[in-house]
Amino acid sequence: MAPASDAGPVPAVRIAVAGTAIFAVTQTLAAIAPRGTTGLVAVVWSLVLFVVGSVAFCAAFVVAAGRSRDERVTVVGVVWLTDVAPVAVARALRIALVAQCVVALVTAGIRPFSAVAFGILAPMFGLGCIAWFGARHGIFAPIVTSTAASSATPRAAATATPPRTDPGDVAVPDDEADGDRSDPDDFDQLFRRRGRRKQ
């Protein structure tokens, strides 16, 4: 995955800026003349931005979930590009989102009971652009797991040979043990050992 560079706008920035500019124009015209074609165009464009932004946000969530297996993906990094994107890209996407919110609130405040009020749905587009760029191109720290130390002890325990014991061995008192070991060829001692084992 190649991170985006500061040189030139990336596609996500171009799309966000273009969508925001069109939204500002349609909302302004609808605020001036809320009825007729201008109002219809403003409603349609606001709904388009809302749908596109929602799809982009859901897709970003899926991509971020997939990357979280190998990288430390953060919510603030995905939805606000904190420390995960080039400064110029993050600034442009944030400004686009803020501009959408301002235009939507101002125009809806001017014409609260008209088609212009649908503009409050449009900022979802800016949020979707940010989330998509963060999930797709954000730079997150990799997850480093040390398996050598954790697996060494269980593996050694599994492969360790348990101490072997002879079921026929019988504990011999210390006073007799010394006598038995003193003369291994003494048959009397051998018979005594067998007798103790049978008991």
N, C-alpha and C. Protein backbone atom coordinates (compact mmCIF):
# COMPACT_ATOMS: atom_id res chain seq x y z
N MET A 1 0.84 -1.18 0.00
CA MET A 1 0.00 0.00 0.00
C MET A 1 0.88 1.24 0.00
N ALA A 2 0.75 2.05 -1.00
CA ALA A 2 1.57 3.25 -1.11
C ALA A 2 0.81 4.42 -0.51
N PRO A 3 1.36 5.09 0.48
CA PRO A 3 0.68 6.22 1.07
C PRO A 3 0.62 7.40 0.13
N ALA A 4 -0.40 8.22 0.31
CA ALA A 4 -0.54 9.38 -0.53
C ALA A 4 0.54 10.39 -0.18
N SER A 5 0.97 11.14 -1.15
CA SER A 5 2.02 12.13 -0.95
C SER A 5 1.41 13.51 -0.87
N ASP A 6 2.23 14.46 -0.44
CA ASP A 6 1.78 15.84 -0.36
C ASP A 6 1.77 16.52 -1.73
N ALA A 7 2.39 15.92 -2.71
CA ALA A 7 2.50 16.55 -4.02
C ALA A 7 1.20 16.38 -4.79
N GLY A 8 0.43 17.47 -4.92
CA GLY A 8 -0.79 17.41 -5.72
C GLY A 8 -1.94 16.79 -4.98
N PRO A 9 -3.16 17.18 -5.38
CA PRO A 9 -4.34 16.61 -4.73
C PRO A 9 -4.57 15.16 -5.11
N VAL A 10 -5.02 14.37 -4.19
CA VAL A 10 -5.34 12.98 -4.44
C VAL A 10 -6.79 12.90 -4.89
N PRO A 11 -7.23 11.78 -5.48
CA PRO A 11 -8.61 11.68 -5.95
C PRO A 11 -9.65 11.98 -4.87
N ALA A 12 -9.41 11.51 -3.65
CA ALA A 12 -10.39 11.76 -2.58
C ALA A 12 -10.56 13.25 -2.33
N VAL A 13 -9.47 14.02 -2.42
CA VAL A 13 -9.54 15.47 -2.20
C VAL A 13 -10.29 16.13 -3.35
N ARG A 14 -9.98 15.73 -4.56
CA ARG A 14 -10.66 16.32 -5.72
C ARG A 14 -12.16 16.06 -5.67
N ILE A 15 -12.53 14.84 -5.31
CA ILE A 15 -13.95 14.49 -5.24
C ILE A 15 -14.64 15.28 -4.14
N ALA A 16 -13.98 15.37 -2.97
CA ALA A 16 -14.57 16.09 -1.85
C ALA A 16 -14.76 17.57 -2.16
N VAL A 17 -13.74 18.17 -2.79
CA VAL A 17 -13.82 19.60 -3.12
C VAL A 17 -14.89 19.85 -4.18
N ALA A 18 -14.93 19.00 -5.21
CA ALA A 18 -15.93 19.18 -6.26
C ALA A 18 -17.35 19.01 -5.72
N GLY A 19 -17.55 17.96 -4.91
CA GLY A 19 -18.88 17.76 -4.33
C GLY A 19 -19.30 18.91 -3.43
N THR A 20 -18.35 19.44 -2.68
CA THR A 20 -18.66 20.56 -1.78
C THR A 20 -18.99 21.81 -2.57
N ALA A 21 -18.26 22.08 -3.65
CA ALA A 21 -18.52 23.27 -4.46
C ALA A 21 -19.90 23.21 -5.10
N ILE A 22 -20.23 22.07 -5.68
CA ILE A 22 -21.55 21.92 -6.28
C ILE A 22 -22.65 22.05 -5.24
N PHE A 23 -22.41 21.48 -4.08
CA PHE A 23 -23.40 21.57 -3.00
C PHE A 23 -23.61 23.02 -2.57
N ALA A 24 -22.53 23.78 -2.45
CA ALA A 24 -22.65 25.18 -2.05
C ALA A 24 -23.45 25.98 -3.08
N VAL A 25 -23.22 25.71 -4.37
CA VAL A 25 -23.94 26.44 -5.42
C VAL A 25 -25.42 26.08 -5.41
N THR A 26 -25.73 24.80 -5.37
CA THR A 26 -27.14 24.37 -5.41
C THR A 26 -27.89 24.84 -4.17
N GLN A 27 -27.25 24.78 -3.02
CA GLN A 27 -27.92 25.22 -1.79
C GLN A 27 -28.15 26.73 -1.80
N THR A 28 -27.19 27.47 -2.31
CA THR A 28 -27.35 28.93 -2.36
C THR A 28 -28.49 29.33 -3.30
N LEU A 29 -28.52 28.70 -4.46
CA LEU A 29 -29.59 29.00 -5.40
C LEU A 29 -30.95 28.58 -4.84
N ALA A 30 -30.99 27.45 -4.14
CA ALA A 30 -32.24 27.00 -3.56
C ALA A 30 -32.68 27.90 -2.42
N ALA A 31 -31.72 28.45 -1.69
CA ALA A 31 -32.07 29.37 -0.62
C ALA A 31 -32.66 30.67 -1.17
N ILE A 32 -32.17 31.08 -2.35
CA ILE A 32 -32.71 32.28 -2.98
C ILE A 32 -34.08 32.00 -3.58
N ALA A 33 -34.20 30.88 -4.28
CA ALA A 33 -35.48 30.52 -4.90
C ALA A 33 -35.78 29.07 -4.56
N PRO A 34 -36.39 28.82 -3.40
CA PRO A 34 -36.59 27.44 -2.94
C PRO A 34 -37.56 26.63 -3.78
N ARG A 35 -38.42 27.26 -4.51
CA ARG A 35 -39.40 26.53 -5.31
C ARG A 35 -38.93 26.39 -6.75
N GLY A 36 -39.41 25.34 -7.38
CA GLY A 36 -39.08 25.14 -8.78
C GLY A 36 -37.86 24.25 -8.95
N THR A 37 -37.16 24.48 -10.04
CA THR A 37 -36.03 23.62 -10.41
C THR A 37 -34.88 23.71 -9.42
N THR A 38 -34.61 24.90 -8.93
CA THR A 38 -33.48 25.05 -8.01
C THR A 38 -33.68 24.24 -6.73
N GLY A 39 -34.88 24.25 -6.21
CA GLY A 39 -35.15 23.46 -5.01
C GLY A 39 -35.04 21.97 -5.27
N LEU A 40 -35.54 21.52 -6.44
CA LEU A 40 -35.47 20.09 -6.78
C LEU A 40 -34.03 19.65 -6.96
N VAL A 41 -33.24 20.48 -7.64
CA VAL A 41 -31.83 20.13 -7.85
C VAL A 41 -31.09 20.06 -6.51
N ALA A 42 -31.40 20.98 -5.61
CA ALA A 42 -30.74 20.98 -4.31
C ALA A 42 -31.09 19.72 -3.51
N VAL A 43 -32.35 19.31 -3.58
CA VAL A 43 -32.75 18.10 -2.86
C VAL A 43 -32.06 16.87 -3.44
N VAL A 44 -32.08 16.77 -4.77
CA VAL A 44 -31.48 15.60 -5.41
C VAL A 44 -29.98 15.53 -5.12
N TRP A 45 -29.29 16.66 -5.21
CA TRP A 45 -27.84 16.65 -4.97
C TRP A 45 -27.53 16.34 -3.51
N SER A 46 -28.33 16.86 -2.60
CA SER A 46 -28.11 16.56 -1.18
C SER A 46 -28.30 15.07 -0.90
N LEU A 47 -29.31 14.47 -1.51
CA LEU A 47 -29.53 13.03 -1.32
C LEU A 47 -28.41 12.21 -1.95
N VAL A 48 -27.93 12.66 -3.11
CA VAL A 48 -26.81 11.94 -3.75
C VAL A 48 -25.58 11.97 -2.86
N LEU A 49 -25.27 13.14 -2.32
CA LEU A 49 -24.12 13.25 -1.43
C LEU A 49 -24.29 12.38 -0.19
N PHE A 50 -25.49 12.33 0.35
CA PHE A 50 -25.74 11.53 1.53
C PHE A 50 -25.55 10.04 1.24
N VAL A 51 -26.08 9.57 0.13
CA VAL A 51 -25.96 8.15 -0.22
C VAL A 51 -24.50 7.78 -0.50
N VAL A 52 -23.83 8.61 -1.29
CA VAL A 52 -22.42 8.33 -1.61
C VAL A 52 -21.57 8.34 -0.34
N GLY A 53 -21.81 9.31 0.52
CA GLY A 53 -21.04 9.37 1.76
C GLY A 53 -21.31 8.19 2.67
N SER A 54 -22.55 7.75 2.74
CA SER A 54 -22.89 6.59 3.58
C SER A 54 -22.22 5.32 3.07
N VAL A 55 -22.27 5.13 1.75
CA VAL A 55 -21.63 3.94 1.16
C VAL A 55 -20.12 3.98 1.41
N ALA A 56 -19.52 5.16 1.21
CA ALA A 56 -18.07 5.29 1.42
C ALA A 56 -17.71 5.03 2.87
N PHE A 57 -18.54 5.51 3.79
CA PHE A 57 -18.24 5.30 5.20
C PHE A 57 -18.34 3.82 5.58
N CYS A 58 -19.37 3.13 5.09
CA CYS A 58 -19.50 1.69 5.38
C CYS A 58 -18.36 0.90 4.76
N ALA A 59 -17.98 1.27 3.53
CA ALA A 59 -16.86 0.59 2.89
C ALA A 59 -15.56 0.84 3.65
N ALA A 60 -15.40 2.05 4.16
CA ALA A 60 -14.21 2.36 4.95
C ALA A 60 -14.16 1.53 6.22
N PHE A 61 -15.32 1.30 6.83
CA PHE A 61 -15.36 0.48 8.03
C PHE A 61 -14.90 -0.94 7.74
N VAL A 62 -15.33 -1.49 6.60
CA VAL A 62 -14.93 -2.86 6.23
C VAL A 62 -13.42 -2.92 5.97
N VAL A 63 -12.90 -1.92 5.24
CA VAL A 63 -11.47 -1.90 4.94
C VAL A 63 -10.65 -1.75 6.21
N ALA A 64 -11.10 -0.86 7.10
CA ALA A 64 -10.37 -0.66 8.36
C ALA A 64 -10.38 -1.91 9.21
N ALA A 65 -11.50 -2.62 9.23
CA ALA A 65 -11.58 -3.87 10.00
C ALA A 65 -10.60 -4.91 9.45
N GLY A 66 -10.47 -4.96 8.13
CA GLY A 66 -9.51 -5.90 7.54
C GLY A 66 -8.07 -5.53 7.86
N ARG A 67 -7.75 -4.24 7.86
CA ARG A 67 -6.39 -3.82 8.15
C ARG A 67 -6.04 -3.96 9.63
N SER A 68 -7.05 -3.97 10.49
CA SER A 68 -6.79 -4.04 11.93
C SER A 68 -6.16 -5.37 12.35
N ARG A 69 -6.16 -6.37 11.49
CA ARG A 69 -5.50 -7.63 11.83
C ARG A 69 -3.98 -7.47 11.91
N ASP A 70 -3.45 -6.60 11.07
CA ASP A 70 -2.00 -6.44 11.01
C ASP A 70 -1.51 -5.06 11.44
N GLU A 71 -2.42 -4.10 11.60
CA GLU A 71 -2.02 -2.74 11.93
C GLU A 71 -2.88 -2.21 13.07
N ARG A 72 -2.35 -1.23 13.78
CA ARG A 72 -3.06 -0.62 14.90
C ARG A 72 -3.97 0.51 14.38
N VAL A 73 -5.10 0.12 13.81
CA VAL A 73 -6.04 1.07 13.23
C VAL A 73 -6.83 1.74 14.35
N THR A 74 -6.87 3.06 14.35
CA THR A 74 -7.57 3.83 15.37
C THR A 74 -8.79 4.52 14.75
N VAL A 75 -9.81 4.73 15.58
CA VAL A 75 -11.03 5.39 15.11
C VAL A 75 -10.73 6.84 14.74
N VAL A 76 -9.99 7.54 15.60
CA VAL A 76 -9.67 8.94 15.32
C VAL A 76 -8.79 9.06 14.09
N GLY A 77 -8.00 8.06 13.81
CA GLY A 77 -7.20 8.10 12.60
C GLY A 77 -8.03 7.93 11.35
N VAL A 78 -9.06 7.09 11.41
CA VAL A 78 -9.89 6.85 10.24
C VAL A 78 -10.86 8.00 10.00
N VAL A 79 -11.56 8.46 11.02
CA VAL A 79 -12.62 9.45 10.82
C VAL A 79 -12.14 10.89 10.87
N TRP A 80 -10.87 11.12 11.30
CA TRP A 80 -10.38 12.50 11.34
C TRP A 80 -8.95 12.61 10.83
N LEU A 81 -8.35 11.51 10.41
CA LEU A 81 -7.01 11.49 9.81
C LEU A 81 -5.94 12.03 10.75
N THR A 82 -6.06 11.74 12.03
CA THR A 82 -5.09 12.22 13.00
C THR A 82 -3.81 11.40 12.92
N ASP A 83 -2.73 12.05 12.48
CA ASP A 83 -1.40 11.43 12.41
C ASP A 83 -1.32 10.23 11.49
N VAL A 84 -2.22 10.13 10.52
CA VAL A 84 -2.17 8.98 9.61
C VAL A 84 -2.14 9.40 8.14
N ALA A 85 -2.25 10.69 7.85
CA ALA A 85 -2.31 11.17 6.47
C ALA A 85 -1.43 12.40 6.32
N PRO A 86 -1.00 12.70 5.10
CA PRO A 86 -0.26 13.94 4.86
C PRO A 86 -1.05 15.15 5.33
N VAL A 87 -0.34 16.14 5.82
CA VAL A 87 -1.00 17.31 6.41
C VAL A 87 -1.90 18.02 5.40
N ALA A 88 -1.42 18.19 4.17
CA ALA A 88 -2.20 18.89 3.15
C ALA A 88 -3.49 18.14 2.82
N VAL A 89 -3.41 16.83 2.73
CA VAL A 89 -4.59 16.03 2.41
C VAL A 89 -5.60 16.08 3.55
N ALA A 90 -5.11 15.90 4.78
CA ALA A 90 -6.01 15.93 5.93
C ALA A 90 -6.69 17.30 6.05
N ARG A 91 -5.94 18.37 5.83
CA ARG A 91 -6.50 19.72 5.94
C ARG A 91 -7.59 19.94 4.89
N ALA A 92 -7.32 19.53 3.66
CA ALA A 92 -8.29 19.74 2.58
C ALA A 92 -9.59 18.97 2.83
N LEU A 93 -9.48 17.75 3.27
CA LEU A 93 -10.69 16.95 3.52
C LEU A 93 -11.47 17.49 4.71
N ARG A 94 -10.77 17.95 5.73
CA ARG A 94 -11.45 18.52 6.89
C ARG A 94 -12.16 19.83 6.53
N ILE A 95 -11.50 20.66 5.74
CA ILE A 95 -12.11 21.92 5.32
C ILE A 95 -13.36 21.65 4.49
N ALA A 96 -13.30 20.65 3.63
CA ALA A 96 -14.47 20.30 2.82
C ALA A 96 -15.64 19.88 3.71
N LEU A 97 -15.36 19.08 4.72
CA LEU A 97 -16.42 18.65 5.62
C LEU A 97 -17.00 19.83 6.40
N VAL A 98 -16.14 20.68 6.93
CA VAL A 98 -16.61 21.85 7.68
C VAL A 98 -17.42 22.78 6.78
N ALA A 99 -16.97 22.97 5.54
CA ALA A 99 -17.70 23.82 4.61
C ALA A 99 -19.09 23.27 4.32
N GLN A 100 -19.19 21.96 4.17
CA GLN A 100 -20.50 21.35 3.95
C GLN A 100 -21.42 21.59 5.13
N CYS A 101 -20.88 21.45 6.34
CA CYS A 101 -21.70 21.67 7.54
C CYS A 101 -22.17 23.12 7.63
N VAL A 102 -21.26 24.05 7.35
CA VAL A 102 -21.62 25.47 7.43
C VAL A 102 -22.69 25.83 6.40
N VAL A 103 -22.49 25.41 5.15
CA VAL A 103 -23.47 25.71 4.10
C VAL A 103 -24.82 25.08 4.44
N ALA A 104 -24.81 23.84 4.91
CA ALA A 104 -26.06 23.17 5.22
C ALA A 104 -26.81 23.87 6.36
N LEU A 105 -26.10 24.24 7.41
CA LEU A 105 -26.75 24.88 8.55
C LEU A 105 -27.25 26.28 8.21
N VAL A 106 -26.44 27.03 7.48
CA VAL A 106 -26.84 28.41 7.15
C VAL A 106 -28.05 28.42 6.23
N THR A 107 -27.99 27.65 5.16
CA THR A 107 -29.10 27.64 4.21
C THR A 107 -30.36 27.03 4.82
N ALA A 108 -30.21 25.98 5.62
CA ALA A 108 -31.38 25.40 6.28
C ALA A 108 -31.95 26.36 7.31
N GLY A 109 -31.09 27.17 7.93
CA GLY A 109 -31.59 28.18 8.86
C GLY A 109 -32.35 29.29 8.16
N ILE A 110 -31.93 29.59 6.94
CA ILE A 110 -32.64 30.63 6.19
C ILE A 110 -33.99 30.11 5.68
N ARG A 111 -34.02 28.89 5.18
CA ARG A 111 -35.24 28.28 4.66
C ARG A 111 -35.51 26.97 5.42
N PRO A 112 -35.94 27.06 6.68
CA PRO A 112 -36.08 25.83 7.48
C PRO A 112 -37.21 24.91 7.03
N PHE A 113 -38.23 25.44 6.40
CA PHE A 113 -39.38 24.62 6.02
C PHE A 113 -39.51 24.53 4.50
N SER A 114 -38.39 24.24 3.88
CA SER A 114 -38.38 24.10 2.42
C SER A 114 -37.46 22.95 2.03
N ALA A 115 -37.31 22.78 0.72
CA ALA A 115 -36.43 21.71 0.23
C ALA A 115 -34.97 21.93 0.61
N VAL A 116 -34.62 23.16 0.95
CA VAL A 116 -33.24 23.45 1.32
C VAL A 116 -32.83 22.70 2.58
N ALA A 117 -33.80 22.37 3.43
CA ALA A 117 -33.48 21.69 4.68
C ALA A 117 -32.87 20.31 4.46
N PHE A 118 -33.06 19.74 3.27
CA PHE A 118 -32.44 18.46 2.98
C PHE A 118 -30.91 18.56 2.95
N GLY A 119 -30.40 19.76 2.90
CA GLY A 119 -28.96 19.94 2.84
C GLY A 119 -28.23 19.47 4.08
N ILE A 120 -28.95 19.31 5.19
CA ILE A 120 -28.27 18.84 6.40
C ILE A 120 -27.80 17.39 6.27
N LEU A 121 -28.25 16.70 5.22
CA LEU A 121 -27.79 15.32 4.99
C LEU A 121 -26.44 15.29 4.26
N ALA A 122 -26.09 16.37 3.59
CA ALA A 122 -24.91 16.38 2.72
C ALA A 122 -23.59 16.18 3.45
N PRO A 123 -23.40 16.72 4.67
CA PRO A 123 -22.08 16.52 5.32
C PRO A 123 -21.67 15.06 5.50
N MET A 124 -22.60 14.14 5.34
CA MET A 124 -22.22 12.73 5.38
C MET A 124 -21.24 12.41 4.26
N PHE A 125 -21.33 13.17 3.18
CA PHE A 125 -20.40 12.97 2.06
C PHE A 125 -18.97 13.32 2.47
N GLY A 126 -18.80 14.43 3.15
CA GLY A 126 -17.47 14.80 3.61
C GLY A 126 -16.90 13.81 4.60
N LEU A 127 -17.75 13.33 5.50
CA LEU A 127 -17.30 12.33 6.47
C LEU A 127 -16.93 11.02 5.78
N GLY A 128 -17.69 10.65 4.76
CA GLY A 128 -17.37 9.42 4.02
C GLY A 128 -16.05 9.53 3.27
N CYS A 129 -15.76 10.71 2.71
CA CYS A 129 -14.49 10.91 2.00
C CYS A 129 -13.30 10.79 2.97
N ILE A 130 -13.46 11.38 4.14
CA ILE A 130 -12.38 11.30 5.14
C ILE A 130 -12.17 9.86 5.59
N ALA A 131 -13.27 9.19 5.90
CA ALA A 131 -13.16 7.81 6.40
C ALA A 131 -12.57 6.89 5.33
N TRP A 132 -12.98 7.08 4.09
CA TRP A 132 -12.46 6.22 3.04
C TRP A 132 -10.96 6.41 2.85
N PHE A 133 -10.53 7.69 2.84
CA PHE A 133 -9.10 7.93 2.68
C PHE A 133 -8.32 7.38 3.88
N GLY A 134 -8.85 7.58 5.08
CA GLY A 134 -8.15 7.08 6.27
C GLY A 134 -8.04 5.58 6.29
N ALA A 135 -9.11 4.89 5.92
CA ALA A 135 -9.09 3.43 5.94
C ALA A 135 -8.27 2.86 4.81
N ARG A 136 -8.30 3.52 3.66
CA ARG A 136 -7.62 2.97 2.48
C ARG A 136 -6.15 3.38 2.41
N HIS A 137 -5.85 4.63 2.75
CA HIS A 137 -4.49 5.14 2.56
C HIS A 137 -3.82 5.61 3.84
N GLY A 138 -4.51 5.54 4.96
CA GLY A 138 -3.91 5.97 6.21
C GLY A 138 -2.71 5.11 6.59
N ILE A 139 -1.75 5.73 7.24
CA ILE A 139 -0.52 5.03 7.64
C ILE A 139 -0.62 4.72 9.13
N PHE A 140 -0.78 3.46 9.47
CA PHE A 140 -0.91 3.03 10.85
C PHE A 140 0.29 2.17 11.24
N ALA A 141 0.57 2.14 12.52
CA ALA A 141 1.70 1.35 13.01
C ALA A 141 1.38 -0.13 12.92
N PRO A 142 2.34 -0.95 12.53
CA PRO A 142 2.08 -2.40 12.46
C PRO A 142 2.00 -3.02 13.85
N ILE A 143 1.29 -4.11 13.92
CA ILE A 143 1.18 -4.86 15.17
C ILE A 143 2.34 -5.84 15.22
N VAL A 144 3.18 -5.72 16.24
CA VAL A 144 4.35 -6.58 16.41
C VAL A 144 4.07 -7.53 17.55
N THR A 145 4.10 -8.83 17.26
CA THR A 145 3.87 -9.84 18.28
C THR A 145 5.12 -10.68 18.41
N SER A 146 5.59 -10.89 19.64
CA SER A 146 6.76 -11.72 19.91
C SER A 146 6.30 -13.10 20.32
N THR A 147 6.39 -14.04 19.38
CA THR A 147 5.94 -15.41 19.64
C THR A 147 7.06 -16.31 20.13
N ALA A 148 8.30 -15.84 19.97
CA ALA A 148 9.42 -16.72 20.35
C ALA A 148 9.44 -16.98 21.85
N ALA A 149 9.29 -15.89 22.64
CA ALA A 149 9.38 -16.05 24.08
C ALA A 149 8.18 -16.78 24.64
N SER A 150 7.00 -16.48 24.06
CA SER A 150 5.79 -17.10 24.60
C SER A 150 5.69 -18.57 24.27
N SER A 151 6.26 -18.96 23.10
CA SER A 151 6.15 -20.36 22.70
C SER A 151 7.29 -21.21 23.22
N ALA A 152 8.35 -20.60 23.73
CA ALA A 152 9.51 -21.37 24.16
C ALA A 152 9.17 -22.24 25.37
N THR A 153 8.52 -21.65 26.37
CA THR A 153 8.22 -22.40 27.59
C THR A 153 7.24 -23.54 27.35
N PRO A 154 6.09 -23.31 26.65
CA PRO A 154 5.20 -24.45 26.40
C PRO A 154 5.86 -25.53 25.57
N ARG A 155 6.67 -25.12 24.58
CA ARG A 155 7.32 -26.12 23.74
C ARG A 155 8.32 -26.93 24.55
N ALA A 156 9.08 -26.27 25.42
CA ALA A 156 10.05 -27.00 26.24
C ALA A 156 9.34 -27.94 27.20
N ALA A 157 8.20 -27.47 27.73
CA ALA A 157 7.46 -28.33 28.66
C ALA A 157 6.87 -29.53 27.94
N ALA A 158 6.46 -29.32 26.67
CA ALA A 158 5.86 -30.42 25.93
C ALA A 158 6.89 -31.46 25.51
N THR A 159 8.10 -30.98 25.20
CA THR A 159 9.13 -31.91 24.73
C THR A 159 10.00 -32.46 25.84
N ALA A 160 9.84 -31.93 27.05
CA ALA A 160 10.67 -32.43 28.16
C ALA A 160 10.31 -33.88 28.48
N THR A 161 11.33 -34.70 28.72
CA THR A 161 11.11 -36.11 29.04
C THR A 161 10.83 -36.26 30.52
N PRO A 162 9.67 -36.83 30.88
CA PRO A 162 9.36 -36.98 32.30
C PRO A 162 10.31 -37.97 32.95
N PRO A 163 10.56 -37.80 34.19
CA PRO A 163 11.46 -38.74 34.88
C PRO A 163 10.90 -40.15 34.88
N ARG A 164 11.74 -41.10 34.56
CA ARG A 164 11.32 -42.50 34.49
C ARG A 164 11.48 -43.15 35.86
N THR A 165 10.46 -43.84 36.22
CA THR A 165 10.46 -44.56 37.51
C THR A 165 10.18 -46.03 37.27
N ASP A 166 10.86 -46.85 37.97
CA ASP A 166 10.66 -48.30 37.88
C ASP A 166 9.61 -48.70 38.90
N PRO A 167 8.45 -49.23 38.44
CA PRO A 167 7.41 -49.61 39.41
C PRO A 167 7.86 -50.69 40.37
N GLY A 168 8.91 -51.42 40.00
CA GLY A 168 9.36 -52.47 40.89
C GLY A 168 10.28 -52.00 41.99
N ASP A 169 10.70 -50.71 41.90
CA ASP A 169 11.59 -50.21 42.93
C ASP A 169 10.84 -50.03 44.23
N VAL A 170 11.47 -50.44 45.29
CA VAL A 170 10.88 -50.33 46.62
C VAL A 170 11.84 -49.54 47.48
N ALA A 171 11.29 -48.60 48.22
CA ALA A 171 12.14 -47.80 49.09
C ALA A 171 12.82 -48.68 50.12
N VAL A 172 14.08 -48.51 50.23
CA VAL A 172 14.87 -49.32 51.16
C VAL A 172 15.39 -48.40 52.25
N PRO A 173 15.24 -48.81 53.51
CA PRO A 173 15.79 -47.97 54.59
C PRO A 173 17.26 -47.71 54.37
N ASP A 174 17.70 -46.59 54.96
CA ASP A 174 19.09 -46.21 54.77
C ASP A 174 20.07 -47.22 55.36
N ASP A 175 19.69 -47.83 56.53
CA ASP A 175 20.62 -48.76 57.15
C ASP A 175 20.78 -50.02 56.35
N GLU A 176 19.65 -50.41 55.61
CA GLU A 176 19.75 -51.61 54.80
C GLU A 176 20.34 -51.30 53.43
N ALA A 177 20.09 -50.07 52.98
CA ALA A 177 20.59 -49.72 51.65
C ALA A 177 22.10 -49.80 51.60
N ASP A 178 22.74 -49.33 52.65
CA ASP A 178 24.19 -49.38 52.66
C ASP A 178 24.70 -50.81 52.66
N GLY A 179 24.00 -51.69 53.40
CA GLY A 179 24.42 -53.07 53.45
C GLY A 179 24.22 -53.79 52.14
N ASP A 180 23.06 -53.46 51.42
CA ASP A 180 22.80 -54.12 50.15
C ASP A 180 23.81 -53.70 49.09
N ARG A 181 24.18 -52.44 49.12
CA ARG A 181 25.07 -51.97 48.10
C ARG A 181 26.53 -52.36 48.38
N SER A 182 26.79 -52.79 49.63
CA SER A 182 28.18 -53.12 49.97
C SER A 182 28.67 -54.36 49.25
N ASP A 183 27.78 -55.36 49.03
CA ASP A 183 28.18 -56.61 48.39
C ASP A 183 27.10 -57.00 47.40
N PRO A 184 27.17 -56.57 46.13
CA PRO A 184 26.10 -56.89 45.16
C PRO A 184 26.05 -58.36 44.80
N ASP A 185 27.08 -59.17 45.13
CA ASP A 185 27.06 -60.59 44.79
C ASP A 185 26.52 -61.46 45.91
N ASP A 186 26.11 -60.89 47.03
CA ASP A 186 25.59 -61.65 48.16
C ASP A 186 24.19 -62.13 47.82
N PHE A 187 23.97 -63.47 47.69
CA PHE A 187 22.68 -64.03 47.32
C PHE A 187 21.64 -63.84 48.41
N ASP A 188 22.06 -63.83 49.66
CA ASP A 188 21.10 -63.61 50.74
C ASP A 188 20.44 -62.23 50.60
N GLN A 189 21.28 -61.28 50.30
CA GLN A 189 20.71 -59.95 50.12
C GLN A 189 19.78 -59.91 48.90
N LEU A 190 20.13 -60.61 47.85
CA LEU A 190 19.29 -60.66 46.66
C LEU A 190 17.93 -61.27 46.96
N PHE A 191 17.90 -62.37 47.75
CA PHE A 191 16.63 -62.99 48.10
C PHE A 191 15.79 -62.07 48.96
N ARG A 192 16.46 -61.35 49.89
CA ARG A 192 15.72 -60.42 50.73
C ARG A 192 15.06 -59.31 49.90
N ARG A 193 15.76 -58.86 48.87
CA ARG A 193 15.19 -57.81 48.02
C ARG A 193 13.96 -58.34 47.29
N ARG A 194 14.06 -59.53 46.75
CA ARG A 194 12.90 -60.11 46.03
C ARG A 194 11.73 -60.33 46.95
N GLY A 195 12.02 -60.74 48.18
CA GLY A 195 10.95 -60.93 49.14
C GLY A 195 10.24 -59.61 49.45
N ARG A 196 10.99 -58.55 49.60
CA ARG A 196 10.37 -57.26 49.89
C ARG A 196 9.54 -56.77 48.69
N ARG A 197 9.98 -57.08 47.51
CA ARG A 197 9.23 -56.65 46.32
C ARG A 197 7.92 -57.40 46.22
N LYS A 198 7.92 -58.69 46.54
CA LYS A 198 6.67 -59.48 46.51
C LYS A 198 5.69 -58.99 47.53
N GLN A 199 6.17 -58.56 48.68
CA GLN A 199 5.28 -58.04 49.71
C GLN A 199 4.66 -56.72 49.26
